[in-house]
Amino acid sequence: MSVAFRREGDDEHLEPKFEHPIPVGPNWVTARGLRMIKQRVAALQADIAALTDETALKIAKRDLRYWNTRQSTAELPPLPSGASVEFGTRVTFLLNGSEKTLAIVGDDEADPASALVSFSAPISRALMGLTTGDLADFGGREDAIEIIAIEAIAEE
């Protein structure tokens, strides 16, 4: 049989494992976000020390590379004043007449289901710089957003 028709092993047909993509732009984090990253790094280091399965070990090491990078590039921006919408604020606003409240946080701590939205999300970018009472366009609609309240997120 020709060598061209033999398979050396099943591994050559597996999907390649890529590194986790690093979000573009600055790695701004809140104090809470930095604690979460440090906890994740510590947990992965403990997992790696205990793992014996080679596949699981590769995955854990890849995850650790991502979180080590995120920890080393983390930037704590100045605490917000709460006078305008900026990173680290919780904002209550009307979006097309419906009241919403969300906190603007870093990429790694964003959880839209918990009203934690990344500063790079379209809604966050539309809100940045606005003050109480301001109107803004969003989603192709004029004055779709009206700011009701802004507060600095308390450090936990």
N, C-alpha and C. Protein backbone atom coordinates (compact mmCIF):
# COMPACT_ATOMS: atom_id res chain seq x y z
N MET A 1 0.84 -1.17 0.00
CA MET A 1 0.00 0.00 0.00
C MET A 1 0.89 1.24 0.00
N SER A 2 0.49 2.22 -0.76
CA SER A 2 1.24 3.47 -0.86
C SER A 2 1.19 4.21 0.48
N VAL A 3 2.27 4.90 0.80
CA VAL A 3 2.36 5.68 2.02
C VAL A 3 1.32 6.80 2.02
N ALA A 4 0.93 7.28 0.88
CA ALA A 4 -0.04 8.37 0.77
C ALA A 4 -1.41 7.98 1.31
N PHE A 5 -1.70 6.70 1.36
CA PHE A 5 -3.02 6.26 1.78
C PHE A 5 -3.05 5.72 3.21
N ARG A 6 -1.94 5.80 3.91
CA ARG A 6 -1.90 5.31 5.28
C ARG A 6 -2.04 6.47 6.24
N ARG A 7 -2.72 6.21 7.30
CA ARG A 7 -2.88 7.21 8.34
C ARG A 7 -1.94 6.85 9.47
N GLU A 8 -1.15 7.81 9.90
CA GLU A 8 -0.21 7.57 10.99
C GLU A 8 -0.92 7.44 12.32
N GLY A 9 -1.98 8.23 12.50
CA GLY A 9 -2.72 8.19 13.75
C GLY A 9 -3.94 9.09 13.66
N ASP A 10 -4.81 8.96 14.61
CA ASP A 10 -6.02 9.77 14.60
C ASP A 10 -5.76 11.22 15.00
N ASP A 11 -4.66 11.49 15.67
CA ASP A 11 -4.36 12.85 16.14
C ASP A 11 -4.24 13.86 15.01
N GLU A 12 -3.79 13.41 13.85
CA GLU A 12 -3.59 14.34 12.74
C GLU A 12 -4.91 14.87 12.19
N HIS A 13 -6.02 14.24 12.54
CA HIS A 13 -7.32 14.67 12.04
C HIS A 13 -8.12 15.46 13.06
N LEU A 14 -7.56 15.69 14.23
CA LEU A 14 -8.24 16.45 15.26
C LEU A 14 -8.19 17.94 14.94
N GLU A 15 -9.17 18.69 15.42
CA GLU A 15 -9.16 20.14 15.29
C GLU A 15 -7.96 20.69 16.05
N PRO A 16 -7.24 21.65 15.45
CA PRO A 16 -6.12 22.25 16.20
C PRO A 16 -6.64 23.07 17.37
N LYS A 17 -5.87 23.13 18.43
CA LYS A 17 -6.23 23.91 19.61
C LYS A 17 -5.49 25.24 19.53
N PHE A 18 -6.27 26.31 19.45
CA PHE A 18 -5.69 27.64 19.34
C PHE A 18 -5.67 28.31 20.70
N GLU A 19 -4.85 29.33 20.81
CA GLU A 19 -4.81 30.14 22.02
C GLU A 19 -6.11 30.92 22.13
N HIS A 20 -6.48 31.28 23.35
CA HIS A 20 -7.67 32.12 23.55
C HIS A 20 -7.37 33.50 22.98
N PRO A 21 -8.29 34.09 22.23
CA PRO A 21 -8.03 35.42 21.67
C PRO A 21 -8.01 36.49 22.78
N ILE A 22 -7.07 37.38 22.68
CA ILE A 22 -6.95 38.50 23.62
C ILE A 22 -7.74 39.67 23.02
N PRO A 23 -8.70 40.23 23.78
CA PRO A 23 -9.46 41.37 23.24
C PRO A 23 -8.54 42.54 22.85
N VAL A 24 -8.92 43.23 21.80
CA VAL A 24 -8.16 44.36 21.31
C VAL A 24 -8.36 45.55 22.24
N GLY A 25 -7.34 46.36 22.40
CA GLY A 25 -7.44 47.57 23.21
C GLY A 25 -6.88 47.37 24.60
N PRO A 26 -7.06 48.38 25.44
CA PRO A 26 -6.50 48.31 26.79
C PRO A 26 -7.21 47.23 27.61
N ASN A 27 -6.51 46.71 28.60
CA ASN A 27 -7.08 45.70 29.50
C ASN A 27 -7.47 46.38 30.81
N TRP A 28 -8.48 47.23 30.74
CA TRP A 28 -8.96 47.91 31.93
C TRP A 28 -9.71 46.92 32.81
N VAL A 29 -9.47 47.01 34.09
CA VAL A 29 -10.16 46.16 35.06
C VAL A 29 -10.57 46.99 36.26
N THR A 30 -11.65 46.57 36.90
CA THR A 30 -12.00 47.16 38.19
C THR A 30 -11.21 46.40 39.25
N ALA A 31 -11.23 46.87 40.48
CA ALA A 31 -10.55 46.15 41.56
C ALA A 31 -11.13 44.74 41.69
N ARG A 32 -12.44 44.63 41.55
CA ARG A 32 -13.10 43.32 41.60
C ARG A 32 -12.60 42.43 40.46
N GLY A 33 -12.48 43.00 39.26
CA GLY A 33 -12.01 42.24 38.10
C GLY A 33 -10.59 41.75 38.27
N LEU A 34 -9.72 42.59 38.86
CA LEU A 34 -8.34 42.18 39.09
C LEU A 34 -8.28 41.03 40.10
N ARG A 35 -9.11 41.11 41.13
CA ARG A 35 -9.18 39.99 42.11
C ARG A 35 -9.65 38.71 41.42
N MET A 36 -10.63 38.82 40.54
CA MET A 36 -11.13 37.64 39.83
C MET A 36 -10.03 37.02 38.97
N ILE A 37 -9.25 37.84 38.30
CA ILE A 37 -8.17 37.33 37.45
C ILE A 37 -7.13 36.62 38.31
N LYS A 38 -6.74 37.24 39.42
CA LYS A 38 -5.74 36.63 40.31
C LYS A 38 -6.24 35.29 40.87
N GLN A 39 -7.52 35.24 41.23
CA GLN A 39 -8.10 33.98 41.73
C GLN A 39 -8.09 32.91 40.65
N ARG A 40 -8.38 33.30 39.43
CA ARG A 40 -8.39 32.35 38.31
C ARG A 40 -6.99 31.80 38.06
N VAL A 41 -5.97 32.67 38.10
CA VAL A 41 -4.59 32.22 37.92
C VAL A 41 -4.20 31.24 39.02
N ALA A 42 -4.51 31.57 40.26
CA ALA A 42 -4.17 30.68 41.39
C ALA A 42 -4.87 29.33 41.26
N ALA A 43 -6.14 29.33 40.85
CA ALA A 43 -6.89 28.08 40.70
C ALA A 43 -6.30 27.23 39.58
N LEU A 44 -5.93 27.85 38.47
CA LEU A 44 -5.34 27.10 37.37
C LEU A 44 -3.97 26.53 37.74
N GLN A 45 -3.18 27.31 38.48
CA GLN A 45 -1.87 26.79 38.93
C GLN A 45 -2.05 25.57 39.82
N ALA A 46 -3.04 25.61 40.69
CA ALA A 46 -3.31 24.46 41.56
C ALA A 46 -3.80 23.26 40.74
N ASP A 47 -4.65 23.52 39.75
CA ASP A 47 -5.15 22.45 38.89
C ASP A 47 -4.00 21.78 38.12
N ILE A 48 -3.10 22.60 37.58
CA ILE A 48 -1.99 22.08 36.79
C ILE A 48 -1.10 21.18 37.65
N ALA A 49 -0.88 21.58 38.88
CA ALA A 49 -0.04 20.78 39.78
C ALA A 49 -0.67 19.41 40.05
N ALA A 50 -2.00 19.33 39.99
CA ALA A 50 -2.69 18.08 40.32
C ALA A 50 -3.05 17.23 39.10
N LEU A 51 -3.02 17.79 37.91
CA LEU A 51 -3.47 17.06 36.71
C LEU A 51 -2.44 16.02 36.26
N THR A 52 -2.96 14.89 35.79
CA THR A 52 -2.10 13.85 35.23
C THR A 52 -2.46 13.56 33.78
N ASP A 53 -3.71 13.82 33.39
CA ASP A 53 -4.15 13.60 32.01
C ASP A 53 -3.50 14.64 31.10
N GLU A 54 -2.82 14.18 30.05
CA GLU A 54 -2.06 15.08 29.19
C GLU A 54 -2.95 16.08 28.45
N THR A 55 -4.11 15.64 27.98
CA THR A 55 -5.02 16.55 27.27
C THR A 55 -5.54 17.63 28.21
N ALA A 56 -5.97 17.23 29.39
CA ALA A 56 -6.47 18.20 30.37
C ALA A 56 -5.36 19.16 30.79
N LEU A 57 -4.14 18.65 30.89
CA LEU A 57 -2.99 19.48 31.27
C LEU A 57 -2.71 20.53 30.19
N LYS A 58 -2.79 20.13 28.91
CA LYS A 58 -2.58 21.09 27.81
C LYS A 58 -3.62 22.20 27.85
N ILE A 59 -4.87 21.81 28.09
CA ILE A 59 -5.95 22.80 28.14
C ILE A 59 -5.75 23.75 29.31
N ALA A 60 -5.39 23.21 30.47
CA ALA A 60 -5.18 24.05 31.66
C ALA A 60 -3.99 24.99 31.45
N LYS A 61 -2.94 24.52 30.80
CA LYS A 61 -1.77 25.37 30.54
C LYS A 61 -2.12 26.48 29.55
N ARG A 62 -2.95 26.15 28.56
CA ARG A 62 -3.39 27.18 27.61
C ARG A 62 -4.21 28.24 28.33
N ASP A 63 -5.13 27.80 29.19
CA ASP A 63 -5.94 28.74 29.97
C ASP A 63 -5.06 29.60 30.87
N LEU A 64 -4.05 28.98 31.48
CA LEU A 64 -3.15 29.73 32.36
C LEU A 64 -2.37 30.79 31.58
N ARG A 65 -1.93 30.46 30.37
CA ARG A 65 -1.22 31.46 29.54
C ARG A 65 -2.12 32.66 29.29
N TYR A 66 -3.39 32.41 28.98
CA TYR A 66 -4.34 33.51 28.74
C TYR A 66 -4.46 34.37 30.00
N TRP A 67 -4.75 33.75 31.15
CA TRP A 67 -5.00 34.51 32.37
C TRP A 67 -3.73 35.18 32.89
N ASN A 68 -2.56 34.59 32.69
CA ASN A 68 -1.30 35.26 33.06
C ASN A 68 -1.11 36.52 32.22
N THR A 69 -1.43 36.41 30.94
CA THR A 69 -1.33 37.58 30.06
C THR A 69 -2.29 38.66 30.50
N ARG A 70 -3.53 38.27 30.80
CA ARG A 70 -4.52 39.25 31.24
C ARG A 70 -4.12 39.90 32.56
N GLN A 71 -3.50 39.12 33.46
CA GLN A 71 -3.06 39.67 34.74
C GLN A 71 -1.89 40.64 34.54
N SER A 72 -0.95 40.29 33.68
CA SER A 72 0.22 41.15 33.49
C SER A 72 -0.09 42.43 32.71
N THR A 73 -1.18 42.42 31.93
CA THR A 73 -1.53 43.62 31.16
C THR A 73 -2.67 44.42 31.79
N ALA A 74 -3.18 43.96 32.93
CA ALA A 74 -4.31 44.64 33.59
C ALA A 74 -3.95 46.06 33.99
N GLU A 75 -4.87 46.97 33.74
CA GLU A 75 -4.71 48.38 34.10
C GLU A 75 -5.90 48.80 34.95
N LEU A 76 -5.61 49.35 36.12
CA LEU A 76 -6.66 49.92 36.98
C LEU A 76 -6.77 51.40 36.65
N PRO A 77 -7.80 51.80 35.88
CA PRO A 77 -7.95 53.23 35.59
C PRO A 77 -8.32 54.01 36.84
N PRO A 78 -8.21 55.31 36.81
CA PRO A 78 -8.61 56.11 37.99
C PRO A 78 -10.07 55.85 38.34
N LEU A 79 -10.38 55.95 39.62
CA LEU A 79 -11.76 55.76 40.06
C LEU A 79 -12.64 56.85 39.45
N PRO A 80 -13.83 56.48 38.98
CA PRO A 80 -14.71 57.48 38.37
C PRO A 80 -15.33 58.40 39.42
N SER A 81 -15.68 59.59 38.98
CA SER A 81 -16.31 60.55 39.90
C SER A 81 -17.81 60.29 40.01
N GLY A 82 -18.39 59.72 38.98
CA GLY A 82 -19.83 59.51 38.96
C GLY A 82 -20.58 60.66 38.33
N ALA A 83 -19.85 61.68 37.89
CA ALA A 83 -20.49 62.84 37.26
C ALA A 83 -20.91 62.53 35.83
N SER A 84 -20.18 61.64 35.17
CA SER A 84 -20.53 61.23 33.81
C SER A 84 -20.32 59.72 33.69
N VAL A 85 -20.87 59.15 32.63
CA VAL A 85 -20.72 57.71 32.41
C VAL A 85 -19.30 57.45 31.96
N GLU A 86 -18.61 56.57 32.68
CA GLU A 86 -17.25 56.18 32.33
C GLU A 86 -17.00 54.79 32.88
N PHE A 87 -15.81 54.27 32.61
CA PHE A 87 -15.45 52.95 33.11
C PHE A 87 -15.58 52.94 34.63
N GLY A 88 -16.22 51.90 35.15
CA GLY A 88 -16.36 51.78 36.60
C GLY A 88 -17.59 52.47 37.17
N THR A 89 -18.55 52.83 36.30
CA THR A 89 -19.79 53.43 36.79
C THR A 89 -20.97 52.49 36.57
N ARG A 90 -21.98 52.69 37.38
CA ARG A 90 -23.27 52.01 37.18
C ARG A 90 -24.22 53.09 36.68
N VAL A 91 -24.89 52.82 35.59
CA VAL A 91 -25.74 53.83 34.97
C VAL A 91 -27.15 53.28 34.79
N THR A 92 -28.12 54.11 35.13
CA THR A 92 -29.53 53.80 34.90
C THR A 92 -30.00 54.72 33.78
N PHE A 93 -30.64 54.13 32.79
CA PHE A 93 -31.03 54.90 31.62
C PHE A 93 -32.29 54.32 31.00
N LEU A 94 -32.93 55.13 30.18
CA LEU A 94 -34.07 54.66 29.38
C LEU A 94 -33.54 54.33 28.00
N LEU A 95 -33.85 53.13 27.54
CA LEU A 95 -33.48 52.72 26.19
C LEU A 95 -34.77 52.45 25.45
N ASN A 96 -35.13 53.34 24.54
CA ASN A 96 -36.40 53.25 23.80
C ASN A 96 -37.57 53.15 24.77
N GLY A 97 -37.51 53.92 25.87
CA GLY A 97 -38.60 53.97 26.83
C GLY A 97 -38.56 52.91 27.92
N SER A 98 -37.63 51.97 27.85
CA SER A 98 -37.53 50.90 28.85
C SER A 98 -36.34 51.17 29.77
N GLU A 99 -36.58 51.15 31.09
CA GLU A 99 -35.51 51.45 32.04
C GLU A 99 -34.54 50.28 32.16
N LYS A 100 -33.26 50.59 32.10
CA LYS A 100 -32.18 49.60 32.22
C LYS A 100 -31.13 50.14 33.18
N THR A 101 -30.46 49.24 33.88
CA THR A 101 -29.32 49.60 34.72
C THR A 101 -28.20 48.64 34.40
N LEU A 102 -27.00 49.17 34.19
CA LEU A 102 -25.85 48.31 33.96
C LEU A 102 -24.59 48.96 34.50
N ALA A 103 -23.59 48.12 34.75
CA ALA A 103 -22.29 48.60 35.22
C ALA A 103 -21.29 48.39 34.08
N ILE A 104 -20.42 49.35 33.89
CA ILE A 104 -19.41 49.28 32.83
C ILE A 104 -18.11 48.79 33.46
N VAL A 105 -17.68 47.60 33.01
CA VAL A 105 -16.54 46.90 33.61
C VAL A 105 -15.57 46.43 32.52
N GLY A 106 -14.54 45.69 32.92
CA GLY A 106 -13.56 45.15 31.99
C GLY A 106 -14.09 43.96 31.20
N ASP A 107 -13.37 43.62 30.14
CA ASP A 107 -13.79 42.53 29.25
C ASP A 107 -13.95 41.20 29.98
N ASP A 108 -13.02 40.87 30.87
CA ASP A 108 -13.02 39.56 31.51
C ASP A 108 -14.06 39.42 32.62
N GLU A 109 -14.55 40.51 33.16
CA GLU A 109 -15.56 40.40 34.21
C GLU A 109 -16.96 40.71 33.69
N ALA A 110 -17.07 40.99 32.40
CA ALA A 110 -18.38 41.27 31.82
C ALA A 110 -19.28 40.04 31.91
N ASP A 111 -20.52 40.28 32.29
CA ASP A 111 -21.55 39.24 32.39
C ASP A 111 -22.89 39.93 32.15
N PRO A 112 -23.31 40.03 30.89
CA PRO A 112 -24.54 40.75 30.58
C PRO A 112 -25.76 40.28 31.37
N ALA A 113 -25.82 38.99 31.69
CA ALA A 113 -26.96 38.47 32.47
C ALA A 113 -27.01 39.09 33.86
N SER A 114 -25.85 39.54 34.37
CA SER A 114 -25.77 40.18 35.68
C SER A 114 -25.66 41.70 35.56
N ALA A 115 -25.95 42.24 34.38
CA ALA A 115 -25.89 43.68 34.09
C ALA A 115 -24.47 44.23 34.22
N LEU A 116 -23.46 43.40 33.95
CA LEU A 116 -22.07 43.83 33.90
C LEU A 116 -21.66 43.81 32.43
N VAL A 117 -21.42 44.98 31.85
CA VAL A 117 -21.17 45.08 30.42
C VAL A 117 -19.76 45.63 30.19
N SER A 118 -19.06 45.03 29.23
CA SER A 118 -17.71 45.46 28.89
C SER A 118 -17.70 46.90 28.38
N PHE A 119 -16.64 47.61 28.71
CA PHE A 119 -16.50 49.00 28.25
C PHE A 119 -16.39 49.07 26.73
N SER A 120 -16.07 47.96 26.08
CA SER A 120 -15.93 47.96 24.62
C SER A 120 -17.23 47.57 23.91
N ALA A 121 -18.28 47.23 24.65
CA ALA A 121 -19.57 46.87 24.05
C ALA A 121 -20.21 48.10 23.41
N PRO A 122 -20.98 47.91 22.36
CA PRO A 122 -21.62 49.06 21.69
C PRO A 122 -22.46 49.93 22.62
N ILE A 123 -23.22 49.33 23.52
CA ILE A 123 -24.04 50.14 24.43
C ILE A 123 -23.16 50.97 25.36
N SER A 124 -22.05 50.40 25.82
CA SER A 124 -21.13 51.15 26.69
C SER A 124 -20.51 52.32 25.94
N ARG A 125 -20.10 52.06 24.72
CA ARG A 125 -19.49 53.14 23.93
C ARG A 125 -20.49 54.25 23.68
N ALA A 126 -21.78 53.91 23.50
CA ALA A 126 -22.80 54.93 23.29
C ALA A 126 -23.05 55.75 24.55
N LEU A 127 -22.88 55.13 25.72
CA LEU A 127 -23.14 55.81 26.99
C LEU A 127 -21.98 56.66 27.49
N MET A 128 -20.75 56.29 27.13
CA MET A 128 -19.56 56.96 27.66
C MET A 128 -19.60 58.47 27.45
N GLY A 129 -19.32 59.19 28.52
CA GLY A 129 -19.24 60.64 28.46
C GLY A 129 -20.56 61.36 28.70
N LEU A 130 -21.67 60.63 28.73
CA LEU A 130 -22.96 61.26 28.94
C LEU A 130 -23.14 61.59 30.42
N THR A 131 -23.98 62.57 30.71
CA THR A 131 -24.29 62.96 32.08
C THR A 131 -25.80 62.82 32.30
N THR A 132 -26.22 62.91 33.54
CA THR A 132 -27.64 62.77 33.88
C THR A 132 -28.48 63.76 33.06
N GLY A 133 -29.53 63.23 32.45
CA GLY A 133 -30.42 64.05 31.63
C GLY A 133 -30.06 64.09 30.16
N ASP A 134 -28.86 63.63 29.80
CA ASP A 134 -28.44 63.64 28.39
C ASP A 134 -29.24 62.64 27.57
N LEU A 135 -29.42 62.97 26.30
CA LEU A 135 -30.03 62.08 25.32
C LEU A 135 -28.97 61.67 24.32
N ALA A 136 -29.06 60.43 23.80
CA ALA A 136 -28.07 59.96 22.83
C ALA A 136 -28.74 59.03 21.83
N ASP A 137 -28.14 58.98 20.66
CA ASP A 137 -28.61 58.08 19.62
C ASP A 137 -28.05 56.68 19.88
N PHE A 138 -28.81 55.67 19.48
CA PHE A 138 -28.34 54.29 19.59
C PHE A 138 -29.15 53.40 18.67
N GLY A 139 -28.47 52.49 18.02
CA GLY A 139 -29.15 51.54 17.14
C GLY A 139 -29.87 52.21 15.98
N GLY A 140 -29.34 53.32 15.50
CA GLY A 140 -29.95 54.01 14.38
C GLY A 140 -31.15 54.87 14.74
N ARG A 141 -31.44 54.99 16.03
CA ARG A 141 -32.58 55.81 16.46
C ARG A 141 -32.07 57.05 17.20
N GLU A 142 -32.63 58.19 16.87
CA GLU A 142 -32.27 59.43 17.55
C GLU A 142 -32.87 59.43 18.95
N ASP A 143 -32.12 59.95 19.90
CA ASP A 143 -32.57 60.08 21.29
C ASP A 143 -33.13 58.77 21.86
N ALA A 144 -32.51 57.65 21.51
CA ALA A 144 -32.95 56.33 21.99
C ALA A 144 -32.57 56.13 23.45
N ILE A 145 -31.55 56.88 23.91
CA ILE A 145 -31.04 56.73 25.28
C ILE A 145 -31.26 58.03 26.05
N GLU A 146 -31.76 57.92 27.28
CA GLU A 146 -31.84 59.06 28.19
C GLU A 146 -31.24 58.62 29.52
N ILE A 147 -30.23 59.33 29.99
CA ILE A 147 -29.55 58.99 31.24
C ILE A 147 -30.40 59.46 32.42
N ILE A 148 -30.67 58.53 33.36
CA ILE A 148 -31.46 58.84 34.55
C ILE A 148 -30.57 59.05 35.76
N ALA A 149 -29.60 58.13 35.96
CA ALA A 149 -28.71 58.23 37.13
C ALA A 149 -27.37 57.59 36.82
N ILE A 150 -26.33 58.11 37.49
CA ILE A 150 -24.96 57.60 37.35
C ILE A 150 -24.36 57.51 38.73
N GLU A 151 -23.69 56.41 39.02
CA GLU A 151 -22.97 56.30 40.30
C GLU A 151 -21.67 55.52 40.07
N ALA A 152 -20.65 55.90 40.82
CA ALA A 152 -19.40 55.15 40.77
C ALA A 152 -19.62 53.81 41.46
N ILE A 153 -19.07 52.75 40.88
CA ILE A 153 -19.20 51.43 41.48
C ILE A 153 -18.33 51.41 42.74
N ALA A 154 -18.94 51.04 43.86
CA ALA A 154 -18.19 50.96 45.12
C ALA A 154 -17.20 49.81 45.05
N GLU A 155 -16.00 50.05 45.51
CA GLU A 155 -14.97 48.99 45.54
C GLU A 155 -15.37 47.95 46.58
N GLU A 156 -15.38 46.71 46.15
CA GLU A 156 -15.79 45.62 47.03
C GLU A 156 -14.60 44.94 47.64
